[in-house]
Amino acid sequence: MTYFTDNPLERLMQQKPVGGRDTRPKALPKNHRCHGCPSYGRGCNGICRRDLIIRKKSKGETE
């Protein structure tokens, strides 16, 4: 591959970035209302999915 200049930064700019930000939110303490919620970190919309799942399992319904 040919380069436009002899500058070593030109090769660095062509590399793909490595790493990045961790997309998972921090772990919650066990006494927090959202601890164990599969939707934690995506935002609530007024209905707690965790409560719906717990109710469904307590009734003995299968998923």
Protein backbone atom coordinates (compact mmCIF):
# COMPACT_ATOMS: atom_id res chain seq x y z
CA MET A 1 0.00 0.00 0.00
CA THR A 2 1.30 3.43 -0.81
CA TYR A 3 1.18 6.35 1.55
CA PHE A 4 0.81 10.02 0.77
CA THR A 5 3.50 11.14 3.23
CA ASP A 6 6.35 9.68 5.27
CA ASN A 7 4.60 10.68 8.48
CA PRO A 8 4.17 7.69 10.86
CA LEU A 9 0.86 9.14 12.07
CA GLU A 10 -0.65 8.36 8.68
CA ARG A 11 -0.34 4.64 9.40
CA LEU A 12 -1.86 5.09 12.85
CA MET A 13 -4.87 6.91 11.43
CA GLN A 14 -5.61 3.97 9.13
CA GLN A 15 -5.82 1.46 11.98
CA LYS A 16 -9.15 0.48 13.43
CA PRO A 17 -9.70 1.62 17.02
CA VAL A 18 -9.21 -1.03 19.69
CA GLY A 19 -11.24 -1.28 22.88
CA GLY A 20 -13.93 1.19 23.67
CA ARG A 21 -16.47 1.92 26.30
CA ASP A 22 -18.13 -0.83 28.30
CA THR A 23 -21.82 -0.74 27.40
CA ARG A 24 -23.02 -2.54 30.51
CA PRO A 25 -24.15 -0.35 33.41
CA LYS A 26 -22.66 -0.74 36.87
CA ALA A 27 -23.95 -3.58 39.03
CA LEU A 28 -26.71 -2.62 41.45
CA PRO A 29 -26.83 -3.49 45.14
CA LYS A 30 -29.16 -6.35 46.06
CA ASN A 31 -31.59 -4.04 47.88
CA HIS A 32 -32.17 -1.86 44.78
CA ARG A 33 -35.56 -2.21 43.08
CA CYS A 34 -34.02 -2.87 39.65
CA HIS A 35 -31.53 -5.54 40.83
CA GLY A 36 -31.91 -8.52 38.50
CA CYS A 37 -34.05 -6.70 35.93
CA PRO A 38 -33.25 -7.81 32.36
CA SER A 39 -34.10 -4.31 31.09
CA TYR A 40 -31.83 -2.44 33.50
CA GLY A 41 -29.82 0.18 31.64
CA ARG A 42 -32.28 0.55 28.78
CA GLY A 43 -34.67 2.79 30.68
CA CYS A 44 -38.03 2.16 32.26
CA ASN A 45 -41.29 2.99 30.57
CA GLY A 46 -43.58 2.79 33.61
CA ILE A 47 -44.04 -0.98 33.66
CA CYS A 48 -41.41 -2.98 35.49
CA ARG A 49 -40.61 -6.07 33.40
CA ARG A 50 -38.93 -7.68 36.39
CA ASP A 51 -42.17 -7.57 38.39
CA LEU A 52 -44.09 -9.07 35.45
CA ILE A 53 -41.58 -11.93 35.15
CA ILE A 54 -41.66 -12.64 38.90
CA ARG A 55 -45.49 -12.70 38.89
CA LYS A 56 -45.55 -15.04 35.90
CA LYS A 57 -43.12 -17.47 37.57
CA SER A 58 -44.97 -17.39 40.89
CA LYS A 59 -48.22 -18.37 39.17
CA GLY A 60 -46.47 -21.40 37.69
CA GLU A 61 -46.85 -20.33 34.08
CA THR A 62 -44.17 -21.35 31.62
CA GLU A 63 -42.40 -18.89 29.40
